[in-house]
Amino acid sequence: MYGGRSPFPASRSLRRAALAVLATAVLAAACGGGSETPEPAVTAAPPGSGPAAQATAAPPPEAVEVEASGTAFNVDAVTVEAGREVTVVFRNRDAVPHQLAFYRSAEGGLIAQGDVIAGGQSDRLTFEAPSQPGTYHFRCELHPAQMQGRLEVR
């Protein structure tokens, strides 16, 4: 009836043009758009695990133990590193309460002070040791005449 010809010759041309545009778009997408360089993959490290975190991580506190028994300390001196964080575990083996405190001198200048603890109890006191090496002082606040010692900072 039409002699092998489409009654809509323009629609065949339109289909060919649309197919050409589609093929070009598919090729462009497959090639990555031409001149753009693909972004490298980025993998995040867990927090606190990078080199900067390792370089700035503080060492654990220096641990010191002091006991009170018979209204006396079990040590005359405690030695710690200058400027370092110190944790003192204070155990009261007496039946009476005690309170441990650290000072710049026997006259005063409080560095750190623990809680009053009853007999049979313990206290944990964490503080930064003085930055200057030297001899400092500690005592029981409730029995200062009987219970004294030296904090040696090196």
N, C-alpha and C. Protein backbone atom coordinates (compact mmCIF):
# COMPACT_ATOMS: atom_id res chain seq x y z
N MET A 1 0.80 -1.16 0.00
CA MET A 1 0.00 0.00 0.00
C MET A 1 0.86 1.25 0.00
N TYR A 2 1.98 1.26 0.79
CA TYR A 2 2.84 2.42 0.77
C TYR A 2 4.10 2.15 0.01
N GLY A 3 4.24 0.96 -0.55
CA GLY A 3 5.39 0.62 -1.36
C GLY A 3 6.65 0.50 -0.54
N GLY A 4 6.56 -0.04 0.74
CA GLY A 4 7.73 -0.25 1.59
C GLY A 4 8.19 1.01 2.28
N ARG A 5 7.49 2.03 2.06
CA ARG A 5 7.86 3.29 2.71
C ARG A 5 6.98 3.53 3.92
N SER A 6 7.53 4.14 4.93
CA SER A 6 6.77 4.46 6.13
C SER A 6 5.89 5.65 5.83
N PRO A 7 4.68 5.64 6.31
CA PRO A 7 3.83 6.79 6.11
C PRO A 7 4.32 7.97 6.94
N PHE A 8 5.25 7.70 7.86
CA PHE A 8 5.80 8.76 8.72
C PHE A 8 7.31 8.81 8.55
N PRO A 9 7.79 9.33 7.41
CA PRO A 9 9.24 9.32 7.17
C PRO A 9 10.01 10.13 8.21
N ALA A 10 9.43 11.14 8.74
CA ALA A 10 10.14 11.96 9.73
C ALA A 10 10.33 11.18 11.02
N SER A 11 9.43 10.27 11.36
CA SER A 11 9.54 9.55 12.62
C SER A 11 10.73 8.60 12.58
N ARG A 12 11.08 8.01 11.42
CA ARG A 12 12.24 7.14 11.30
C ARG A 12 13.50 7.96 11.52
N SER A 13 13.59 9.11 10.99
CA SER A 13 14.76 9.98 11.16
C SER A 13 14.89 10.41 12.62
N LEU A 14 13.75 10.69 13.20
CA LEU A 14 13.76 11.08 14.60
C LEU A 14 14.25 9.94 15.47
N ARG A 15 13.84 8.72 15.16
CA ARG A 15 14.30 7.56 15.92
C ARG A 15 15.79 7.37 15.79
N ARG A 16 16.31 7.55 14.58
CA ARG A 16 17.75 7.42 14.35
C ARG A 16 18.52 8.48 15.12
N ALA A 17 18.03 9.69 15.13
CA ALA A 17 18.70 10.79 15.84
C ALA A 17 18.67 10.53 17.35
N ALA A 18 17.52 10.07 17.83
CA ALA A 18 17.41 9.79 19.26
C ALA A 18 18.34 8.64 19.65
N LEU A 19 18.44 7.63 18.79
CA LEU A 19 19.33 6.51 19.05
C LEU A 19 20.78 6.95 19.06
N ALA A 20 21.16 7.86 18.18
CA ALA A 20 22.53 8.38 18.12
C ALA A 20 22.85 9.18 19.38
N VAL A 21 21.91 10.01 19.84
CA VAL A 21 22.12 10.80 21.06
C VAL A 21 22.25 9.87 22.26
N LEU A 22 21.40 8.85 22.31
CA LEU A 22 21.43 7.90 23.41
C LEU A 22 22.77 7.15 23.44
N ALA A 23 23.24 6.71 22.28
CA ALA A 23 24.50 5.98 22.19
C ALA A 23 25.66 6.87 22.63
N THR A 24 25.64 8.14 22.24
CA THR A 24 26.69 9.09 22.64
C THR A 24 26.68 9.29 24.16
N ALA A 25 25.50 9.40 24.74
CA ALA A 25 25.39 9.59 26.18
C ALA A 25 25.91 8.37 26.93
N VAL A 26 25.58 7.18 26.43
CA VAL A 26 26.05 5.94 27.07
C VAL A 26 27.56 5.85 26.98
N LEU A 27 28.13 6.15 25.83
CA LEU A 27 29.59 6.12 25.68
C LEU A 27 30.28 7.14 26.57
N ALA A 28 29.74 8.33 26.65
CA ALA A 28 30.33 9.38 27.49
C ALA A 28 30.31 8.96 28.95
N ALA A 29 29.24 8.35 29.39
CA ALA A 29 29.14 7.92 30.78
C ALA A 29 30.12 6.78 31.05
N ALA A 30 30.27 5.88 30.11
CA ALA A 30 31.17 4.74 30.27
C ALA A 30 32.63 5.18 30.30
N CYS A 31 32.97 6.24 29.65
CA CYS A 31 34.34 6.73 29.60
C CYS A 31 34.65 7.68 30.76
N GLY A 32 33.71 7.99 31.57
CA GLY A 32 33.96 8.85 32.71
C GLY A 32 33.90 10.31 32.37
N GLY A 33 33.33 10.69 31.31
CA GLY A 33 33.18 12.10 31.00
C GLY A 33 34.38 12.72 30.33
N GLY A 34 35.37 11.94 29.93
CA GLY A 34 36.47 12.50 29.16
C GLY A 34 37.65 12.90 30.00
N SER A 35 37.84 14.20 30.27
CA SER A 35 39.08 14.70 30.84
C SER A 35 39.11 14.68 32.36
N GLU A 36 38.02 14.40 33.05
CA GLU A 36 38.04 14.42 34.51
C GLU A 36 38.77 13.21 35.05
N THR A 37 39.56 13.42 36.10
CA THR A 37 40.27 12.34 36.76
C THR A 37 39.40 11.83 37.89
N PRO A 38 39.24 10.52 37.99
CA PRO A 38 38.40 10.00 39.06
C PRO A 38 39.01 10.30 40.43
N GLU A 39 38.14 10.53 41.42
CA GLU A 39 38.57 10.81 42.79
C GLU A 39 39.11 9.52 43.40
N PRO A 40 40.22 9.60 44.14
CA PRO A 40 40.71 8.39 44.81
C PRO A 40 39.79 8.01 45.97
N ALA A 41 39.74 6.74 46.26
CA ALA A 41 38.92 6.27 47.38
C ALA A 41 39.57 6.70 48.68
N VAL A 42 38.76 7.13 49.64
CA VAL A 42 39.26 7.57 50.94
C VAL A 42 38.71 6.62 51.99
N THR A 43 39.61 6.07 52.80
CA THR A 43 39.21 5.19 53.89
C THR A 43 39.58 5.88 55.19
N ALA A 44 38.61 6.07 56.05
CA ALA A 44 38.85 6.75 57.32
C ALA A 44 39.40 5.77 58.34
N ALA A 45 40.42 6.21 59.09
CA ALA A 45 40.96 5.41 60.19
C ALA A 45 40.08 5.61 61.41
N PRO A 46 40.03 4.64 62.29
CA PRO A 46 39.24 4.81 63.51
C PRO A 46 39.73 6.01 64.31
N PRO A 47 38.85 6.73 64.99
CA PRO A 47 39.26 7.89 65.78
C PRO A 47 40.32 7.51 66.80
N GLY A 48 41.30 8.40 66.96
CA GLY A 48 42.35 8.20 67.95
C GLY A 48 43.41 7.20 67.56
N SER A 49 43.46 6.79 66.25
CA SER A 49 44.44 5.79 65.86
C SER A 49 45.48 6.31 64.88
N GLY A 50 45.36 7.56 64.48
CA GLY A 50 46.32 8.12 63.53
C GLY A 50 47.63 8.49 64.19
N PRO A 51 48.65 8.85 63.37
CA PRO A 51 49.95 9.20 63.91
C PRO A 51 49.89 10.38 64.87
N ALA A 52 49.05 11.38 64.58
CA ALA A 52 48.96 12.55 65.47
C ALA A 52 48.43 12.13 66.83
N ALA A 53 47.45 11.25 66.86
CA ALA A 53 46.89 10.81 68.14
C ALA A 53 47.91 10.01 68.93
N GLN A 54 48.72 9.20 68.24
CA GLN A 54 49.73 8.41 68.92
C GLN A 54 50.84 9.31 69.47
N ALA A 55 51.18 10.36 68.74
CA ALA A 55 52.25 11.24 69.16
C ALA A 55 51.84 12.09 70.36
N THR A 56 50.54 12.41 70.50
CA THR A 56 50.10 13.28 71.58
C THR A 56 49.49 12.52 72.74
N ALA A 57 49.39 11.20 72.65
CA ALA A 57 48.78 10.43 73.72
C ALA A 57 49.64 10.52 74.98
N ALA A 58 49.03 10.87 76.08
CA ALA A 58 49.75 11.00 77.34
C ALA A 58 50.00 9.62 77.93
N PRO A 59 51.14 9.47 78.61
CA PRO A 59 51.38 8.18 79.26
C PRO A 59 50.38 8.01 80.40
N PRO A 60 50.16 6.77 80.82
CA PRO A 60 49.23 6.56 81.93
C PRO A 60 49.79 7.21 83.20
N PRO A 61 48.90 7.54 84.14
CA PRO A 61 49.38 8.16 85.38
C PRO A 61 50.38 7.26 86.11
N GLU A 62 51.33 7.90 86.76
CA GLU A 62 52.28 7.19 87.59
C GLU A 62 51.53 6.75 88.84
N ALA A 63 51.61 5.48 89.19
CA ALA A 63 50.85 4.95 90.33
C ALA A 63 51.73 4.87 91.57
N VAL A 64 51.19 5.34 92.70
CA VAL A 64 51.88 5.34 93.98
C VAL A 64 50.90 4.83 95.03
N GLU A 65 51.38 4.04 95.98
CA GLU A 65 50.54 3.56 97.07
C GLU A 65 51.08 4.06 98.40
N VAL A 66 50.18 4.57 99.22
CA VAL A 66 50.51 5.04 100.56
C VAL A 66 49.48 4.44 101.51
N GLU A 67 49.97 3.94 102.66
CA GLU A 67 49.08 3.37 103.66
C GLU A 67 49.24 4.10 104.99
N ALA A 68 48.13 4.16 105.73
CA ALA A 68 48.14 4.69 107.09
C ALA A 68 47.86 3.53 108.04
N SER A 69 48.72 3.37 109.02
CA SER A 69 48.54 2.31 110.00
C SER A 69 49.24 2.73 111.29
N GLY A 70 48.58 2.62 112.43
CA GLY A 70 49.17 3.02 113.70
C GLY A 70 49.43 4.53 113.74
N THR A 71 48.57 5.30 113.09
CA THR A 71 48.69 6.76 112.97
C THR A 71 50.08 7.13 112.45
N ALA A 72 50.50 6.41 111.41
CA ALA A 72 51.76 6.68 110.71
C ALA A 72 51.62 6.22 109.26
N PHE A 73 52.43 6.83 108.39
CA PHE A 73 52.47 6.39 107.00
C PHE A 73 53.43 5.21 106.88
N ASN A 74 53.22 4.37 105.90
CA ASN A 74 54.12 3.24 105.66
C ASN A 74 55.37 3.65 104.90
N VAL A 75 55.42 4.88 104.40
CA VAL A 75 56.59 5.38 103.66
C VAL A 75 56.96 6.77 104.19
N ASP A 76 58.27 7.08 104.13
CA ASP A 76 58.74 8.42 104.51
C ASP A 76 58.74 9.35 103.31
N ALA A 77 58.87 8.76 102.10
CA ALA A 77 58.96 9.57 100.89
C ALA A 77 58.29 8.85 99.73
N VAL A 78 57.77 9.65 98.82
CA VAL A 78 57.17 9.18 97.57
C VAL A 78 57.92 9.90 96.46
N THR A 79 58.39 9.16 95.44
CA THR A 79 59.14 9.76 94.35
C THR A 79 58.35 9.66 93.05
N VAL A 80 58.24 10.81 92.33
CA VAL A 80 57.49 10.87 91.07
C VAL A 80 58.26 11.73 90.07
N GLU A 81 57.85 11.63 88.80
CA GLU A 81 58.46 12.41 87.73
C GLU A 81 57.84 13.81 87.66
N ALA A 82 58.66 14.82 87.41
CA ALA A 82 58.20 16.22 87.31
C ALA A 82 57.16 16.37 86.20
N GLY A 83 56.07 17.06 86.49
CA GLY A 83 55.05 17.38 85.50
C GLY A 83 54.17 16.23 85.08
N ARG A 84 54.39 15.07 85.61
CA ARG A 84 53.63 13.89 85.19
C ARG A 84 52.38 13.72 86.04
N GLU A 85 51.33 13.18 85.45
CA GLU A 85 50.12 12.88 86.20
C GLU A 85 50.40 11.71 87.15
N VAL A 86 49.99 11.87 88.39
CA VAL A 86 50.24 10.88 89.44
C VAL A 86 48.90 10.45 90.03
N THR A 87 48.74 9.17 90.25
CA THR A 87 47.58 8.65 90.98
C THR A 87 48.09 7.98 92.24
N VAL A 88 47.63 8.50 93.38
CA VAL A 88 48.00 7.94 94.68
C VAL A 88 46.80 7.16 95.21
N VAL A 89 47.04 5.90 95.52
CA VAL A 89 46.03 5.09 96.18
C VAL A 89 46.38 5.12 97.66
N PHE A 90 45.50 5.70 98.46
CA PHE A 90 45.71 5.86 99.89
C PHE A 90 44.80 4.91 100.63
N ARG A 91 45.41 3.97 101.38
CA ARG A 91 44.64 2.97 102.13
C ARG A 91 44.74 3.28 103.62
N ASN A 92 43.60 3.34 104.26
CA ASN A 92 43.56 3.59 105.70
C ASN A 92 43.39 2.27 106.42
N ARG A 93 44.47 1.79 107.04
CA ARG A 93 44.45 0.51 107.79
C ARG A 93 44.13 0.75 109.28
N ASP A 94 43.96 2.01 109.65
CA ASP A 94 43.63 2.36 111.03
C ASP A 94 42.12 2.30 111.26
N ALA A 95 41.74 2.41 112.54
CA ALA A 95 40.33 2.49 112.90
C ALA A 95 39.84 3.93 112.88
N VAL A 96 40.76 4.90 112.83
CA VAL A 96 40.41 6.33 112.84
C VAL A 96 40.51 6.89 111.42
N PRO A 97 39.79 7.99 111.13
CA PRO A 97 39.85 8.57 109.79
C PRO A 97 41.18 9.29 109.52
N HIS A 98 41.50 9.40 108.22
CA HIS A 98 42.71 10.12 107.76
C HIS A 98 42.37 10.87 106.49
N GLN A 99 43.21 11.87 106.16
CA GLN A 99 43.06 12.65 104.92
C GLN A 99 44.45 13.00 104.41
N LEU A 100 44.79 12.53 103.23
CA LEU A 100 46.11 12.76 102.63
C LEU A 100 46.10 14.04 101.81
N ALA A 101 47.16 14.86 101.98
CA ALA A 101 47.28 16.10 101.22
C ALA A 101 48.75 16.33 100.86
N PHE A 102 48.99 16.92 99.68
CA PHE A 102 50.33 17.22 99.19
C PHE A 102 50.49 18.73 99.10
N TYR A 103 51.67 19.22 99.56
CA TYR A 103 51.94 20.67 99.63
C TYR A 103 53.30 20.99 99.02
N ARG A 104 53.45 22.26 98.64
CA ARG A 104 54.73 22.75 98.12
C ARG A 104 55.79 22.80 99.22
N SER A 105 55.36 23.04 100.46
CA SER A 105 56.28 23.04 101.61
C SER A 105 55.50 22.63 102.85
N ALA A 106 56.21 22.45 103.96
CA ALA A 106 55.54 22.09 105.21
C ALA A 106 54.63 23.21 105.69
N GLU A 107 54.89 24.43 105.23
CA GLU A 107 54.07 25.57 105.62
C GLU A 107 52.80 25.73 104.79
N GLY A 108 52.72 25.14 103.64
CA GLY A 108 51.51 25.27 102.82
C GLY A 108 51.78 25.24 101.33
N GLY A 109 50.82 25.78 100.57
CA GLY A 109 50.90 25.74 99.10
C GLY A 109 50.33 24.44 98.57
N LEU A 110 49.03 24.25 98.78
CA LEU A 110 48.36 23.00 98.43
C LEU A 110 48.58 22.60 96.97
N ILE A 111 48.97 21.35 96.77
CA ILE A 111 49.10 20.77 95.42
C ILE A 111 47.85 19.92 95.14
N ALA A 112 47.51 19.04 96.10
CA ALA A 112 46.34 18.16 95.93
C ALA A 112 45.92 17.65 97.30
N GLN A 113 44.61 17.37 97.44
CA GLN A 113 44.09 16.90 98.71
C GLN A 113 43.01 15.86 98.46
N GLY A 114 43.12 14.73 99.16
CA GLY A 114 42.12 13.68 99.05
C GLY A 114 40.97 13.91 100.01
N ASP A 115 40.03 12.99 100.00
CA ASP A 115 38.89 13.04 100.90
C ASP A 115 39.26 12.47 102.26
N VAL A 116 38.50 12.81 103.27
CA VAL A 116 38.62 12.17 104.58
C VAL A 116 38.07 10.76 104.41
N ILE A 117 38.89 9.77 104.81
CA ILE A 117 38.43 8.39 104.65
C ILE A 117 38.42 7.69 106.01
N ALA A 118 37.39 6.93 106.22
CA ALA A 118 37.22 6.18 107.47
C ALA A 118 38.18 5.00 107.50
N GLY A 119 38.36 4.46 108.70
CA GLY A 119 39.19 3.27 108.85
C GLY A 119 38.73 2.14 107.97
N GLY A 120 39.69 1.45 107.38
CA GLY A 120 39.37 0.32 106.50
C GLY A 120 38.98 0.72 105.08
N GLN A 121 38.99 2.03 104.78
CA GLN A 121 38.60 2.51 103.45
C GLN A 121 39.83 2.93 102.64
N SER A 122 39.63 3.20 101.36
CA SER A 122 40.69 3.67 100.46
C SER A 122 40.21 4.89 99.69
N ASP A 123 41.17 5.66 99.22
CA ASP A 123 40.90 6.85 98.41
C ASP A 123 41.88 6.85 97.24
N ARG A 124 41.46 7.39 96.14
CA ARG A 124 42.32 7.52 94.95
C ARG A 124 42.40 9.01 94.63
N LEU A 125 43.63 9.53 94.61
CA LEU A 125 43.87 10.95 94.37
C LEU A 125 44.76 11.09 93.15
N THR A 126 44.27 11.78 92.11
CA THR A 126 45.05 11.99 90.89
C THR A 126 45.34 13.48 90.73
N PHE A 127 46.61 13.81 90.46
CA PHE A 127 47.03 15.19 90.29
C PHE A 127 48.27 15.25 89.44
N GLU A 128 48.61 16.44 88.99
CA GLU A 128 49.84 16.63 88.21
C GLU A 128 50.96 17.01 89.15
N ALA A 129 52.06 16.26 89.09
CA ALA A 129 53.21 16.55 89.94
C ALA A 129 53.77 17.93 89.55
N PRO A 130 54.38 18.63 90.51
CA PRO A 130 55.00 19.91 90.17
C PRO A 130 55.97 19.77 89.01
N SER A 131 56.06 20.80 88.19
CA SER A 131 56.93 20.74 87.01
C SER A 131 58.40 20.93 87.36
N GLN A 132 58.68 21.49 88.52
CA GLN A 132 60.06 21.70 88.96
C GLN A 132 60.51 20.57 89.88
N PRO A 133 61.62 19.91 89.55
CA PRO A 133 62.15 18.90 90.46
C PRO A 133 62.46 19.51 91.82
N GLY A 134 62.31 18.73 92.87
CA GLY A 134 62.61 19.21 94.22
C GLY A 134 61.91 18.37 95.26
N THR A 135 62.01 18.81 96.49
CA THR A 135 61.38 18.12 97.61
C THR A 135 60.15 18.89 98.05
N TYR A 136 59.03 18.20 98.08
CA TYR A 136 57.75 18.77 98.48
C TYR A 136 57.29 18.01 99.73
N HIS A 137 56.06 18.18 100.14
CA HIS A 137 55.62 17.69 101.43
C HIS A 137 54.25 17.01 101.31
N PHE A 138 54.03 15.96 102.10
CA PHE A 138 52.67 15.43 102.25
C PHE A 138 52.41 15.15 103.72
N ARG A 139 51.13 15.12 104.08
CA ARG A 139 50.75 14.89 105.47
C ARG A 139 49.30 14.45 105.55
N CYS A 140 48.93 13.96 106.73
CA CYS A 140 47.53 13.69 107.04
C CYS A 140 46.98 14.98 107.62
N GLU A 141 45.92 15.47 107.06
CA GLU A 141 45.32 16.72 107.54
C GLU A 141 44.74 16.58 108.94
N LEU A 142 44.38 15.37 109.34
CA LEU A 142 43.77 15.17 110.65
C LEU A 142 44.81 14.89 111.74
N HIS A 143 46.01 14.49 111.35
CA HIS A 143 47.10 14.17 112.29
C HIS A 143 48.42 14.73 111.74
N PRO A 144 48.50 16.04 111.49
CA PRO A 144 49.69 16.60 110.82
C PRO A 144 50.98 16.47 111.61
N ALA A 145 50.94 16.45 112.94
CA ALA A 145 52.17 16.35 113.73
C ALA A 145 52.76 14.94 113.67
N GLN A 146 51.89 13.92 113.59
CA GLN A 146 52.36 12.53 113.60
C GLN A 146 52.60 11.96 112.21
N MET A 147 51.87 12.47 111.20
CA MET A 147 51.88 11.82 109.88
C MET A 147 52.33 12.81 108.81
N GLN A 148 53.64 12.74 108.48
CA GLN A 148 54.23 13.61 107.47
C GLN A 148 55.18 12.80 106.59
N GLY A 149 55.44 13.31 105.40
CA GLY A 149 56.39 12.68 104.51
C GLY A 149 56.84 13.64 103.43
N ARG A 150 57.77 13.17 102.57
CA ARG A 150 58.33 13.98 101.49
C ARG A 150 57.82 13.47 100.14
N LEU A 151 57.52 14.42 99.28
CA LEU A 151 57.21 14.13 97.88
C LEU A 151 58.44 14.53 97.09
N GLU A 152 59.21 13.56 96.62
CA GLU A 152 60.43 13.83 95.86
C GLU A 152 60.07 13.85 94.38
N VAL A 153 60.27 15.02 93.77
CA VAL A 153 59.96 15.18 92.35
C VAL A 153 61.27 15.24 91.60
N ARG A 154 61.49 14.34 90.69
CA ARG A 154 62.75 14.29 89.93
C ARG A 154 62.56 14.70 88.49
